[in-house]
């Protein structure tokens, strides 16, 4: 994916995030965290697909095997009781909180590595 330091215009773009293990992430940086990236790294084949001067290509969305929340459109909306609404609201708030925590963590990781690369 496009490194935030080299391509700040893509910083914070959710599609510019590829979830890899720590070892795979290091491989994507060609063995050195300070190496900027401008490609999709395939952790299975170890191939890199360079984006060149163009924009990043978002990773394929992987659907979870178990649904956490099912949303319906207005045409199939079903009436639910107050208790179910409250449970849904709590779950929705927990998910929003989890997403916010993830964003904070990712931002912290970015800042950590950016600062670390400046000191080396």
PDB file of N, CA and C in Angstrom:
ATOM      1  N   UNK A   1       0.840  -1.158   0.000  1.00  0.00           N
ATOM      2  CA  UNK A   1       0.000   0.000   0.000  1.00  0.00           C
ATOM      3  C   UNK A   1       0.899   1.239   0.000  1.00  0.00           C
ATOM      4  N   UNK A   2       0.307   2.390  -0.208  1.00  0.00           N
ATOM      5  CA  UNK A   2       1.105   3.616  -0.277  1.00  0.00           C
ATOM      6  C   UNK A   2       1.467   4.096   1.131  1.00  0.00           C
ATOM      7  N   UNK A   3       2.764   4.207   1.406  1.00  0.00           N
ATOM      8  CA  UNK A   3       3.239   4.670   2.711  1.00  0.00           C
ATOM      9  C   UNK A   3       2.719   6.073   2.979  1.00  0.00           C
ATOM     10  N   UNK A   4       2.252   6.275   4.197  1.00  0.00           N
ATOM     11  CA  UNK A   4       1.684   7.579   4.572  1.00  0.00           C
ATOM     12  C   UNK A   4       2.736   8.680   4.531  1.00  0.00           C
ATOM     13  N   UNK A   5       3.970   8.348   4.869  1.00  0.00           N
ATOM     14  CA  UNK A   5       5.010   9.378   4.876  1.00  0.00           C
ATOM     15  C   UNK A   5       5.340   9.849   3.463  1.00  0.00           C
ATOM     16  N   UNK A   6       5.402   8.933   2.525  1.00  0.00           N
ATOM     17  CA  UNK A   6       5.722   9.299   1.142  1.00  0.00           C
ATOM     18  C   UNK A   6       4.503   9.817   0.383  1.00  0.00           C
ATOM     19  N   UNK A   7       3.329   9.370   0.778  1.00  0.00           N
ATOM     20  CA  UNK A   7       2.088   9.734   0.091  1.00  0.00           C
ATOM     21  C   UNK A   7       1.072  10.235   1.118  1.00  0.00           C
ATOM     22  N   UNK A   8       1.313  11.404   1.715  1.00  0.00           N
ATOM     23  CA  UNK A   8       0.434  11.894   2.790  1.00  0.00           C
ATOM     24  C   UNK A   8      -1.006  12.105   2.353  1.00  0.00           C
ATOM     25  N   UNK A   9      -1.226  12.293   1.066  1.00  0.00           N
ATOM     26  CA  UNK A   9      -2.594  12.477   0.579  1.00  0.00           C
ATOM     27  C   UNK A   9      -3.454  11.227   0.774  1.00  0.00           C
ATOM     28  N   UNK A  10      -2.820  10.078   0.973  1.00  0.00           N
ATOM     29  CA  UNK A  10      -3.559   8.838   1.189  1.00  0.00           C
ATOM     30  C   UNK A  10      -3.638   8.437   2.661  1.00  0.00           C
ATOM     31  N   UNK A  11      -3.038   9.241   3.531  1.00  0.00           N
ATOM     32  CA  UNK A  11      -3.068   8.948   4.963  1.00  0.00           C
ATOM     33  C   UNK A  11      -4.515   8.965   5.452  1.00  0.00           C
ATOM     34  N   UNK A  12      -4.899   7.968   6.201  1.00  0.00           N
ATOM     35  CA  UNK A  12      -6.251   7.887   6.746  1.00  0.00           C
ATOM     36  C   UNK A  12      -7.267   7.264   5.804  1.00  0.00           C
ATOM     37  N   UNK A  13      -6.856   6.897   4.607  1.00  0.00           N
ATOM     38  CA  UNK A  13      -7.769   6.241   3.669  1.00  0.00           C
ATOM     39  C   UNK A  13      -7.925   4.782   4.081  1.00  0.00           C
ATOM     40  N   UNK A  14      -9.136   4.361   4.445  1.00  0.00           N
ATOM     41  CA  UNK A  14      -9.299   2.975   4.899  1.00  0.00           C
ATOM     42  C   UNK A  14      -8.941   1.945   3.835  1.00  0.00           C
ATOM     43  N   UNK A  15      -9.107   2.277   2.570  1.00  0.00           N
ATOM     44  CA  UNK A  15      -8.767   1.340   1.504  1.00  0.00           C
ATOM     45  C   UNK A  15      -7.271   1.189   1.290  1.00  0.00           C
ATOM     46  N   UNK A  16      -6.472   2.077   1.917  1.00  0.00           N
ATOM     47  CA  UNK A  16      -5.026   2.036   1.779  1.00  0.00           C
ATOM     48  C   UNK A  16      -4.385   1.292   2.953  1.00  0.00           C
ATOM     49  N   UNK A  17      -5.175   0.465   3.606  1.00  0.00           N
ATOM     50  CA  UNK A  17      -4.679  -0.324   4.727  1.00  0.00           C
ATOM     51  C   UNK A  17      -4.757  -1.796   4.350  1.00  0.00           C
ATOM     52  N   UNK A  18      -3.658  -2.496   4.527  1.00  0.00           N
ATOM     53  CA  UNK A  18      -3.623  -3.928   4.277  1.00  0.00           C
ATOM     54  C   UNK A  18      -3.253  -4.603   5.587  1.00  0.00           C
ATOM     55  N   UNK A  19      -4.064  -5.516   6.028  1.00  0.00           N
ATOM     56  CA  UNK A  19      -3.804  -6.198   7.294  1.00  0.00           C
ATOM     57  C   UNK A  19      -2.875  -7.386   7.049  1.00  0.00           C
ATOM     58  N   UNK A  20      -1.719  -7.305   7.671  1.00  0.00           N
ATOM     59  CA  UNK A  20      -0.695  -8.331   7.550  1.00  0.00           C
ATOM     60  C   UNK A  20      -0.178  -8.682   8.939  1.00  0.00           C
ATOM     61  N   UNK A  21       0.446  -9.838   9.055  1.00  0.00           N
ATOM     62  CA  UNK A  21       1.144 -10.150  10.300  1.00  0.00           C
ATOM     63  C   UNK A  21       2.383  -9.259  10.368  1.00  0.00           C
ATOM     64  N   UNK A  22       3.006  -9.204  11.523  1.00  0.00           N
ATOM     65  CA  UNK A  22       4.212  -8.378  11.667  1.00  0.00           C
ATOM     66  C   UNK A  22       5.295  -8.831  10.676  1.00  0.00           C
ATOM     67  N   UNK A  23       5.479 -10.138  10.548  1.00  0.00           N
ATOM     68  CA  UNK A  23       6.499 -10.669   9.633  1.00  0.00           C
ATOM     69  C   UNK A  23       6.168 -10.322   8.184  1.00  0.00           C
ATOM     70  N   UNK A  24       4.901 -10.456   7.812  1.00  0.00           N
ATOM     71  CA  UNK A  24       4.488 -10.110   6.448  1.00  0.00           C
ATOM     72  C   UNK A  24       4.671  -8.616   6.187  1.00  0.00           C
ATOM     73  N   UNK A  25       4.351  -7.817   7.193  1.00  0.00           N
ATOM     74  CA  UNK A  25       4.497  -6.363   7.064  1.00  0.00           C
ATOM     75  C   UNK A  25       5.967  -5.999   6.827  1.00  0.00           C
ATOM     76  N   UNK A  26       6.860  -6.641   7.569  1.00  0.00           N
ATOM     77  CA  UNK A  26       8.286  -6.393   7.371  1.00  0.00           C
ATOM     78  C   UNK A  26       8.719  -6.817   5.963  1.00  0.00           C
ATOM     79  N   UNK A  27       8.204  -7.952   5.497  1.00  0.00           N
ATOM     80  CA  UNK A  27       8.500  -8.397   4.126  1.00  0.00           C
ATOM     81  C   UNK A  27       8.011  -7.377   3.106  1.00  0.00           C
ATOM     82  N   UNK A  28       6.831  -6.807   3.350  1.00  0.00           N
ATOM     83  CA  UNK A  28       6.275  -5.803   2.440  1.00  0.00           C
ATOM     84  C   UNK A  28       7.180  -4.577   2.360  1.00  0.00           C
ATOM     85  N   UNK A  29       7.922  -4.302   3.454  1.00  0.00           N
ATOM     86  CA  UNK A  29       8.870  -3.181   3.483  1.00  0.00           C
ATOM     87  C   UNK A  29      10.270  -3.631   3.063  1.00  0.00           C
ATOM     88  N   UNK A  30      10.343  -4.785   2.436  1.00  0.00           N
ATOM     89  CA  UNK A  30      11.600  -5.345   1.940  1.00  0.00           C
ATOM     90  C   UNK A  30      12.649  -5.483   3.045  1.00  0.00           C
ATOM     91  N   UNK A  31      12.174  -5.887   4.248  1.00  0.00           N
ATOM     92  CA  UNK A  31      13.087  -6.180   5.346  1.00  0.00           C
ATOM     93  C   UNK A  31      13.531  -4.993   6.172  1.00  0.00           C
ATOM     94  N   UNK A  32      13.054  -3.795   5.854  1.00  0.00           N
ATOM     95  CA  UNK A  32      13.463  -2.605   6.603  1.00  0.00           C
ATOM     96  C   UNK A  32      12.247  -1.693   6.741  1.00  0.00           C
ATOM     97  N   UNK A  33      11.829  -1.437   7.982  1.00  0.00           N
ATOM     98  CA  UNK A  33      10.629  -0.627   8.230  1.00  0.00           C
ATOM     99  C   UNK A  33      10.743   0.768   7.623  1.00  0.00           C
ATOM    100  N   UNK A  34      11.950   1.255   7.408  1.00  0.00           N
ATOM    101  CA  UNK A  34      12.134   2.598   6.871  1.00  0.00           C
ATOM    102  C   UNK A  34      11.912   2.675   5.367  1.00  0.00           C
ATOM    103  N   UNK A  35      11.848   1.530   4.704  1.00  0.00           N
ATOM    104  CA  UNK A  35      11.591   1.529   3.266  1.00  0.00           C
ATOM    105  C   UNK A  35      10.131   1.905   3.006  1.00  0.00           C
ATOM    106  N   UNK A  36       9.883   2.927   2.206  1.00  0.00           N
ATOM    107  CA  UNK A  36       8.494   3.268   1.871  1.00  0.00           C
ATOM    108  C   UNK A  36       7.901   2.196   0.953  1.00  0.00           C
ATOM    109  N   UNK A  37       6.606   2.087   0.979  1.00  0.00           N
ATOM    110  CA  UNK A  37       5.923   1.131   0.099  1.00  0.00           C
ATOM    111  C   UNK A  37       5.010   1.876  -0.867  1.00  0.00           C
ATOM    112  N   UNK A  38       4.838   1.287  -2.028  1.00  0.00           N
ATOM    113  CA  UNK A  38       3.939   1.815  -3.048  1.00  0.00           C
ATOM    114  C   UNK A  38       3.370   0.637  -3.833  1.00  0.00           C
ATOM    115  N   UNK A  39       2.943  -0.361  -3.085  1.00  0.00           N
ATOM    116  CA  UNK A  39       2.466  -1.575  -3.740  1.00  0.00           C
ATOM    117  C   UNK A  39       1.560  -2.367  -2.803  1.00  0.00           C
ATOM    118  N   UNK A  40       0.851  -3.300  -3.426  1.00  0.00           N
ATOM    119  CA  UNK A  40       0.098  -4.310  -2.684  1.00  0.00           C
ATOM    120  C   UNK A  40       1.038  -5.496  -2.538  1.00  0.00           C
ATOM    121  N   UNK A  41       1.158  -6.013  -1.325  1.00  0.00           N
ATOM    122  CA  UNK A  41       2.007  -7.167  -1.063  1.00  0.00           C
ATOM    123  C   UNK A  41       1.133  -8.395  -0.893  1.00  0.00           C
ATOM    124  N   UNK A  42       1.380  -9.419  -1.694  1.00  0.00           N
ATOM    125  CA  UNK A  42       0.653 -10.669  -1.575  1.00  0.00           C
ATOM    126  C   UNK A  42       1.426 -11.564  -0.604  1.00  0.00           C
ATOM    127  N   UNK A  43       0.888 -11.779   0.610  1.00  0.00           N
ATOM    128  CA  UNK A  43       1.638 -12.546   1.603  1.00  0.00           C
ATOM    129  C   UNK A  43       1.793 -14.024   1.266  1.00  0.00           C
ATOM    130  N   UNK A  44       0.978 -14.536   0.358  1.00  0.00           N
ATOM    131  CA  UNK A  44       1.072 -15.953  -0.015  1.00  0.00           C
ATOM    132  C   UNK A  44       2.181 -16.161  -1.041  1.00  0.00           C
ATOM    133  N   UNK A  45       2.159 -15.370  -2.110  1.00  0.00           N
ATOM    134  CA  UNK A  45       3.146 -15.531  -3.185  1.00  0.00           C
ATOM    135  C   UNK A  45       4.383 -14.662  -2.990  1.00  0.00           C
ATOM    136  N   UNK A  46       4.314 -13.724  -2.024  1.00  0.00           N
ATOM    137  CA  UNK A  46       5.392 -12.764  -1.744  1.00  0.00           C
ATOM    138  C   UNK A  46       5.595 -11.774  -2.893  1.00  0.00           C
ATOM    139  N   UNK A  47       4.623 -11.687  -3.804  1.00  0.00           N
ATOM    140  CA  UNK A  47       4.708 -10.749  -4.914  1.00  0.00           C
ATOM    141  C   UNK A  47       4.240  -9.365  -4.490  1.00  0.00           C
ATOM    142  N   UNK A  48       4.828  -8.361  -5.139  1.00  0.00           N
ATOM    143  CA  UNK A  48       4.404  -6.984  -4.928  1.00  0.00           C
ATOM    144  C   UNK A  48       3.809  -6.480  -6.240  1.00  0.00           C
ATOM    145  N   UNK A  49       2.657  -5.813  -6.146  1.00  0.00           N
ATOM    146  CA  UNK A  49       1.998  -5.242  -7.301  1.00  0.00           C
ATOM    147  C   UNK A  49       2.097  -3.729  -7.184  1.00  0.00           C
ATOM    148  N   UNK A  50       3.064  -3.152  -7.909  1.00  0.00           N
ATOM    149  CA  UNK A  50       3.396  -1.740  -7.803  1.00  0.00           C
ATOM    150  C   UNK A  50       2.265  -0.863  -8.342  1.00  0.00           C
ATOM    151  N   UNK A  51       1.963   0.221  -7.606  1.00  0.00           N
ATOM    152  CA  UNK A  51       0.921   1.160  -8.025  1.00  0.00           C
ATOM    153  C   UNK A  51       1.463   2.218  -8.975  1.00  0.00           C
ATOM    154  N   UNK A  52       2.771   2.335  -9.089  1.00  0.00           N
ATOM    155  CA  UNK A  52       3.350   3.352  -9.957  1.00  0.00           C
ATOM    156  C   UNK A  52       2.960   4.744  -9.489  1.00  0.00           C
ATOM    157  N   UNK A  53       2.662   5.626 -10.439  1.00  0.00           N
ATOM    158  CA  UNK A  53       2.280   7.001 -10.098  1.00  0.00           C
ATOM    159  C   UNK A  53       0.779   7.137  -9.861  1.00  0.00           C
ATOM    160  N   UNK A  54       0.039   6.058 -10.084  1.00  0.00           N
ATOM    161  CA  UNK A  54      -1.412   6.095  -9.911  1.00  0.00           C
ATOM    162  C   UNK A  54      -1.824   5.946  -8.453  1.00  0.00           C
ATOM    163  N   UNK A  55      -3.133   6.011  -8.215  1.00  0.00           N
ATOM    164  CA  UNK A  55      -3.635   5.840  -6.847  1.00  0.00           C
ATOM    165  C   UNK A  55      -3.509   4.380  -6.408  1.00  0.00           C
ATOM    166  N   UNK A  56      -3.688   4.151  -5.119  1.00  0.00           N
ATOM    167  CA  UNK A  56      -3.655   2.783  -4.611  1.00  0.00           C
ATOM    168  C   UNK A  56      -4.887   2.032  -5.105  1.00  0.00           C
ATOM    169  N   UNK A  57      -4.776   0.737  -5.132  1.00  0.00           N
ATOM    170  CA  UNK A  57      -5.922  -0.119  -5.459  1.00  0.00           C
ATOM    171  C   UNK A  57      -6.337  -0.770  -4.154  1.00  0.00           C
ATOM    172  N   UNK A  58      -7.567  -0.512  -3.692  1.00  0.00           N
ATOM    173  CA  UNK A  58      -7.989  -1.058  -2.391  1.00  0.00           C
ATOM    174  C   UNK A  58      -7.905  -2.586  -2.365  1.00  0.00           C
ATOM    175  N   UNK A  59      -7.610  -3.101  -1.191  1.00  0.00           N
ATOM    176  CA  UNK A  59      -7.583  -4.550  -0.999  1.00  0.00           C
ATOM    177  C   UNK A  59      -8.994  -5.109  -1.169  1.00  0.00           C
ATOM    178  N   UNK A  60      -9.049  -6.364  -1.523  1.00  0.00           N
ATOM    179  CA  UNK A  60     -10.339  -7.044  -1.616  1.00  0.00           C
ATOM    180  C   UNK A  60     -10.966  -7.102  -0.220  1.00  0.00           C
ATOM    181  N   UNK A  61     -12.246  -6.805  -0.155  1.00  0.00           N
ATOM    182  CA  UNK A  61     -12.955  -6.876   1.118  1.00  0.00           C
ATOM    183  C   UNK A  61     -13.233  -8.337   1.429  1.00  0.00           C
ATOM    184  N   UNK A  62     -12.821  -8.752   2.604  1.00  0.00           N
ATOM    185  CA  UNK A  62     -13.037 -10.136   3.025  1.00  0.00           C
ATOM    186  C   UNK A  62     -14.237 -10.149   3.954  1.00  0.00           C
ATOM    187  N   UNK A  63     -15.253 -10.878   3.569  1.00  0.00           N
ATOM    188  CA  UNK A  63     -16.461 -10.948   4.380  1.00  0.00           C
ATOM    189  C   UNK A  63     -16.240 -11.885   5.556  1.00  0.00           C
ATOM    190  N   UNK A  64     -16.730 -11.480   6.703  1.00  0.00           N
ATOM    191  CA  UNK A  64     -16.615 -12.325   7.889  1.00  0.00           C
ATOM    192  C   UNK A  64     -17.553 -13.516   7.763  1.00  0.00           C
ATOM    193  N   UNK A  65     -17.170 -14.621   8.365  1.00  0.00           N
ATOM    194  CA  UNK A  65     -17.992 -15.822   8.252  1.00  0.00           C
ATOM    195  C   UNK A  65     -19.264 -15.719   9.071  1.00  0.00           C
ATOM    196  N   UNK A  66     -19.223 -14.980  10.173  1.00  0.00           N
ATOM    197  CA  UNK A  66     -20.404 -14.820  11.003  1.00  0.00           C
ATOM    198  C   UNK A  66     -20.804 -13.360  11.029  1.00  0.00           C
ATOM    199  N   UNK A  67     -22.064 -13.111  10.772  1.00  0.00           N
ATOM    200  CA  UNK A  67     -22.566 -11.752  10.777  1.00  0.00           C
ATOM    201  C   UNK A  67     -22.637 -11.231  12.205  1.00  0.00           C
ATOM    202  N   UNK A  68     -22.155 -10.012  12.413  1.00  0.00           N
ATOM    203  CA  UNK A  68     -22.226  -9.392  13.733  1.00  0.00           C
ATOM    204  C   UNK A  68     -23.551  -8.642  13.863  1.00  0.00           C
ATOM    205  N   UNK A  69     -23.870  -7.843  12.848  1.00  0.00           N
ATOM    206  CA  UNK A  69     -25.113  -7.083  12.827  1.00  0.00           C
ATOM    207  C   UNK A  69     -25.694  -7.195  11.431  1.00  0.00           C
ATOM    208  N   UNK A  70     -26.961  -7.466  11.319  1.00  0.00           N
ATOM    209  CA  UNK A  70     -27.633  -7.483  10.030  1.00  0.00           C
ATOM    210  C   UNK A  70     -28.429  -6.198   9.889  1.00  0.00           C
ATOM    211  N   UNK A  71     -28.170  -5.476   8.827  1.00  0.00           N
ATOM    212  CA  UNK A  71     -28.921  -4.261   8.549  1.00  0.00           C
ATOM    213  C   UNK A  71     -29.882  -4.545   7.403  1.00  0.00           C
ATOM    214  N   UNK A  72     -31.033  -3.940   7.465  1.00  0.00           N
ATOM    215  CA  UNK A  72     -32.015  -4.124   6.398  1.00  0.00           C
ATOM    216  C   UNK A  72     -32.374  -2.773   5.834  1.00  0.00           C
ATOM    217  N   UNK A  73     -32.783  -2.744   4.565  1.00  0.00           N
ATOM    218  CA  UNK A  73     -33.230  -1.483   3.994  1.00  0.00           C
ATOM    219  C   UNK A  73     -34.685  -1.235   4.402  1.00  0.00           C
ATOM    220  N   UNK A  74     -35.212  -0.076   4.080  1.00  0.00           N
ATOM    221  CA  UNK A  74     -36.556   0.305   4.512  1.00  0.00           C
ATOM    222  C   UNK A  74     -37.641  -0.627   3.988  1.00  0.00           C
ATOM    223  N   UNK A  75     -37.417  -1.222   2.815  1.00  0.00           N
ATOM    224  CA  UNK A  75     -38.454  -2.077   2.236  1.00  0.00           C
ATOM    225  C   UNK A  75     -38.633  -3.375   3.017  1.00  0.00           C
ATOM    226  N   UNK A  76     -37.614  -3.802   3.745  1.00  0.00           N
ATOM    227  CA  UNK A  76     -37.721  -5.048   4.514  1.00  0.00           C
ATOM    228  C   UNK A  76     -37.593  -4.796   6.006  1.00  0.00           C
ATOM    229  N   UNK A  77     -37.744  -3.557   6.418  1.00  0.00           N
ATOM    230  CA  UNK A  77     -37.592  -3.214   7.828  1.00  0.00           C
ATOM    231  C   UNK A  77     -38.638  -3.930   8.664  1.00  0.00           C
ATOM    232  N   UNK A  78     -38.180  -4.523   9.755  1.00  0.00           N
ATOM    233  CA  UNK A  78     -39.085  -5.232  10.650  1.00  0.00           C
ATOM    234  C   UNK A  78     -39.169  -4.475  11.958  1.00  0.00           C
ATOM    235  N   UNK A  79     -40.319  -4.540  12.572  1.00  0.00           N
ATOM    236  CA  UNK A  79     -40.482  -3.914  13.882  1.00  0.00           C
ATOM    237  C   UNK A  79     -39.777  -4.769  14.925  1.00  0.00           C
ATOM    238  N   UNK A  80     -39.008  -4.126  15.780  1.00  0.00           N
ATOM    239  CA  UNK A  80     -38.350  -4.856  16.857  1.00  0.00           C
ATOM    240  C   UNK A  80     -38.720  -4.211  18.178  1.00  0.00           C
ATOM    241  N   UNK A  81     -38.670  -4.993  19.220  1.00  0.00           N
ATOM    242  CA  UNK A  81     -39.052  -4.509  20.544  1.00  0.00           C
ATOM    243  C   UNK A  81     -38.020  -3.565  21.130  1.00  0.00           C
ATOM    244  N   UNK A  82     -38.412  -2.888  22.225  1.00  0.00           N
ATOM    245  CA  UNK A  82     -37.522  -1.926  22.874  1.00  0.00           C
ATOM    246  C   UNK A  82     -36.225  -2.560  23.353  1.00  0.00           C
ATOM    247  N   UNK A  83     -36.327  -3.780  23.903  1.00  0.00           N
ATOM    248  CA  UNK A  83     -35.122  -4.453  24.402  1.00  0.00           C
ATOM    249  C   UNK A  83     -34.156  -4.736  23.260  1.00  0.00           C
ATOM    250  N   UNK A  84     -34.685  -5.200  22.115  1.00  0.00           N
ATOM    251  CA  UNK A  84     -33.827  -5.463  20.960  1.00  0.00           C
ATOM    252  C   UNK A  84     -33.215  -4.169  20.425  1.00  0.00           C
ATOM    253  N   UNK A  85     -33.992  -3.093  20.422  1.00  0.00           N
ATOM    254  CA  UNK A  85     -33.465  -1.803  19.979  1.00  0.00           C
ATOM    255  C   UNK A  85     -32.324  -1.353  20.881  1.00  0.00           C
ATOM    256  N   UNK A  86     -32.505  -1.536  22.178  1.00  0.00           N
ATOM    257  CA  UNK A  86     -31.471  -1.145  23.139  1.00  0.00           C
ATOM    258  C   UNK A  86     -30.214  -1.975  22.940  1.00  0.00           C
ATOM    259  N   UNK A  87     -30.386  -3.295  22.729  1.00  0.00           N
ATOM    260  CA  UNK A  87     -29.237  -4.170  22.490  1.00  0.00           C
ATOM    261  C   UNK A  87     -28.522  -3.790  21.204  1.00  0.00           C
ATOM    262  N   UNK A  88     -29.308  -3.488  20.153  1.00  0.00           N
ATOM    263  CA  UNK A  88     -28.726  -3.080  18.885  1.00  0.00           C
ATOM    264  C   UNK A  88     -27.941  -1.786  19.074  1.00  0.00           C
ATOM    265  N   UNK A  89     -28.515  -0.851  19.793  1.00  0.00           N
ATOM    266  CA  UNK A  89     -27.867   0.434  20.030  1.00  0.00           C
ATOM    267  C   UNK A  89     -26.555   0.248  20.789  1.00  0.00           C
ATOM    268  N   UNK A  90     -26.555  -0.620  21.808  1.00  0.00           N
ATOM    269  CA  UNK A  90     -25.332  -0.889  22.567  1.00  0.00           C
ATOM    270  C   UNK A  90     -24.265  -1.516  21.671  1.00  0.00           C
ATOM    271  N   UNK A  91     -24.694  -2.455  20.835  1.00  0.00           N
ATOM    272  CA  UNK A  91     -23.757  -3.115  19.929  1.00  0.00           C
ATOM    273  C   UNK A  91     -23.202  -2.121  18.919  1.00  0.00           C
ATOM    274  N   UNK A  92     -24.079  -1.301  18.381  1.00  0.00           N
ATOM    275  CA  UNK A  92     -23.652  -0.292  17.412  1.00  0.00           C
ATOM    276  C   UNK A  92     -22.653   0.679  18.054  1.00  0.00           C
ATOM    277  N   UNK A  93     -22.926   1.119  19.269  1.00  0.00           N
ATOM    278  CA  UNK A  93     -22.013   2.020  19.973  1.00  0.00           C
ATOM    279  C   UNK A  93     -20.667   1.343  20.258  1.00  0.00           C
ATOM    280  N   UNK A  94     -20.724   0.062  20.630  1.00  0.00           N
ATOM    281  CA  UNK A  94     -19.493  -0.685  20.892  1.00  0.00           C
ATOM    282  C   UNK A  94     -18.660  -0.800  19.616  1.00  0.00           C
ATOM    283  N   UNK A  95     -19.320  -1.043  18.480  1.00  0.00           N
ATOM    284  CA  UNK A  95     -18.601  -1.131  17.206  1.00  0.00           C
ATOM    285  C   UNK A  95     -17.988   0.215  16.830  1.00  0.00           C
ATOM    286  N   UNK A  96     -18.752   1.291  17.019  1.00  0.00           N
ATOM    287  CA  UNK A  96     -18.222   2.625  16.722  1.00  0.00           C
ATOM    288  C   UNK A  96     -17.008   2.911  17.599  1.00  0.00           C
ATOM    289  N   UNK A  97     -17.094   2.551  18.867  1.00  0.00           N
ATOM    290  CA  UNK A  97     -15.986   2.745  19.797  1.00  0.00           C
ATOM    291  C   UNK A  97     -14.773   1.926  19.353  1.00  0.00           C
ATOM    292  N   UNK A  98     -15.019   0.685  18.947  1.00  0.00           N
ATOM    293  CA  UNK A  98     -13.944  -0.190  18.502  1.00  0.00           C
ATOM    294  C   UNK A  98     -13.251   0.382  17.268  1.00  0.00           C
ATOM    295  N   UNK A  99     -14.035   0.906  16.338  1.00  0.00           N
ATOM    296  CA  UNK A  99     -13.465   1.512  15.133  1.00  0.00           C
ATOM    297  C   UNK A  99     -12.615   2.720  15.516  1.00  0.00           C
ATOM    298  N   UNK A 100     -13.124   3.541  16.418  1.00  0.00           N
ATOM    299  CA  UNK A 100     -12.385   4.733  16.849  1.00  0.00           C
ATOM    300  C   UNK A 100     -11.080   4.335  17.534  1.00  0.00           C
ATOM    301  N   UNK A 101     -11.126   3.321  18.388  1.00  0.00           N
ATOM    302  CA  UNK A 101      -9.910   2.837  19.056  1.00  0.00           C
ATOM    303  C   UNK A 101      -8.919   2.333  18.012  1.00  0.00           C
ATOM    304  N   UNK A 102      -9.414   1.605  16.992  1.00  0.00           N
ATOM    305  CA  UNK A 102      -8.536   1.103  15.931  1.00  0.00           C
ATOM    306  C   UNK A 102      -7.870   2.252  15.201  1.00  0.00           C
ATOM    307  N   UNK A 103      -8.632   3.300  14.895  1.00  0.00           N
ATOM    308  CA  UNK A 103      -8.059   4.468  14.218  1.00  0.00           C
ATOM    309  C   UNK A 103      -6.984   5.115  15.079  1.00  0.00           C
ATOM    310  N   UNK A 104      -7.249   5.244  16.364  1.00  0.00           N
ATOM    311  CA  UNK A 104      -6.276   5.843  17.278  1.00  0.00           C
ATOM    312  C   UNK A 104      -5.012   4.986  17.325  1.00  0.00           C
ATOM    313  N   UNK A 105      -5.190   3.661  17.400  1.00  0.00           N
ATOM    314  CA  UNK A 105      -4.042   2.746  17.440  1.00  0.00           C
ATOM    315  C   UNK A 105      -3.225   2.852  16.161  1.00  0.00           C
ATOM    316  N   UNK A 106      -3.893   2.837  15.009  1.00  0.00           N
ATOM    317  CA  UNK A 106      -3.189   2.932  13.734  1.00  0.00           C
ATOM    318  C   UNK A 106      -2.447   4.256  13.628  1.00  0.00           C
ATOM    319  N   UNK A 107      -3.081   5.324  14.076  1.00  0.00           N
ATOM    320  CA  UNK A 107      -2.432   6.637  14.048  1.00  0.00           C
ATOM    321  C   UNK A 107      -1.207   6.629  14.965  1.00  0.00           C
ATOM    322  N   UNK A 108      -1.355   6.019  16.148  1.00  0.00           N
ATOM    323  CA  UNK A 108      -0.232   5.924  17.074  1.00  0.00           C
ATOM    324  C   UNK A 108       0.924   5.121  16.494  1.00  0.00           C
ATOM    325  N   UNK A 109       0.604   4.027  15.825  1.00  0.00           N
ATOM    326  CA  UNK A 109       1.636   3.193  15.202  1.00  0.00           C
ATOM    327  C   UNK A 109       2.352   3.994  14.121  1.00  0.00           C
ATOM    328  N   UNK A 110       1.577   4.715  13.320  1.00  0.00           N
ATOM    329  CA  UNK A 110       2.168   5.534  12.263  1.00  0.00           C
ATOM    330  C   UNK A 110       3.120   6.570  12.855  1.00  0.00           C
ATOM    331  N   UNK A 111       2.665   7.287  13.878  1.00  0.00           N
ATOM    332  CA  UNK A 111       3.482   8.329  14.504  1.00  0.00           C
ATOM    333  C   UNK A 111       4.747   7.714  15.114  1.00  0.00           C
ATOM    334  N   UNK A 112       4.596   6.566  15.775  1.00  0.00           N
ATOM    335  CA  UNK A 112       5.744   5.887  16.378  1.00  0.00           C
ATOM    336  C   UNK A 112       6.811   5.584  15.331  1.00  0.00           C
ATOM    337  N   UNK A 113       6.402   4.954  14.208  1.00  0.00           N
ATOM    338  CA  UNK A 113       7.367   4.575  13.195  1.00  0.00           C
ATOM    339  C   UNK A 113       7.905   5.790  12.448  1.00  0.00           C
ATOM    340  N   UNK A 114       7.091   6.809  12.276  1.00  0.00           N
ATOM    341  CA  UNK A 114       7.562   8.033  11.629  1.00  0.00           C
ATOM    342  C   UNK A 114       8.644   8.681  12.494  1.00  0.00           C
ATOM    343  N   UNK A 115       8.377   8.801  13.781  1.00  0.00           N
ATOM    344  CA  UNK A 115       9.366   9.393  14.687  1.00  0.00           C
ATOM    345  C   UNK A 115      10.610   8.532  14.806  1.00  0.00           C
ATOM    346  N   UNK A 116      10.408   7.225  14.838  1.00  0.00           N
ATOM    347  CA  UNK A 116      11.553   6.308  14.943  1.00  0.00           C
ATOM    348  C   UNK A 116      12.441   6.432  13.708  1.00  0.00           C
ATOM    349  N   UNK A 117      11.833   6.571  12.524  1.00  0.00           N
ATOM    350  CA  UNK A 117      12.623   6.674  11.307  1.00  0.00           C
ATOM    351  C   UNK A 117      13.378   7.999  11.259  1.00  0.00           C
ATOM    352  N   UNK A 118      12.855   9.035  11.895  1.00  0.00           N
ATOM    353  CA  UNK A 118      13.546  10.333  11.913  1.00  0.00           C
ATOM    354  C   UNK A 118      14.762  10.311  12.827  1.00  0.00           C
ATOM    355  N   UNK A 119      14.725   9.452  13.851  1.00  0.00           N
ATOM    356  CA  UNK A 119      15.836   9.397  14.804  1.00  0.00           C
ATOM    357  C   UNK A 119      16.941   8.464  14.338  1.00  0.00           C
ATOM    358  N   UNK A 120      16.651   7.627  13.323  1.00  0.00           N
ATOM    359  CA  UNK A 120      17.687   6.670  12.847  1.00  0.00           C
ATOM    360  C   UNK A 120      18.417   7.225  11.666  1.00  0.00           C
TER     361      UNK A 120
END
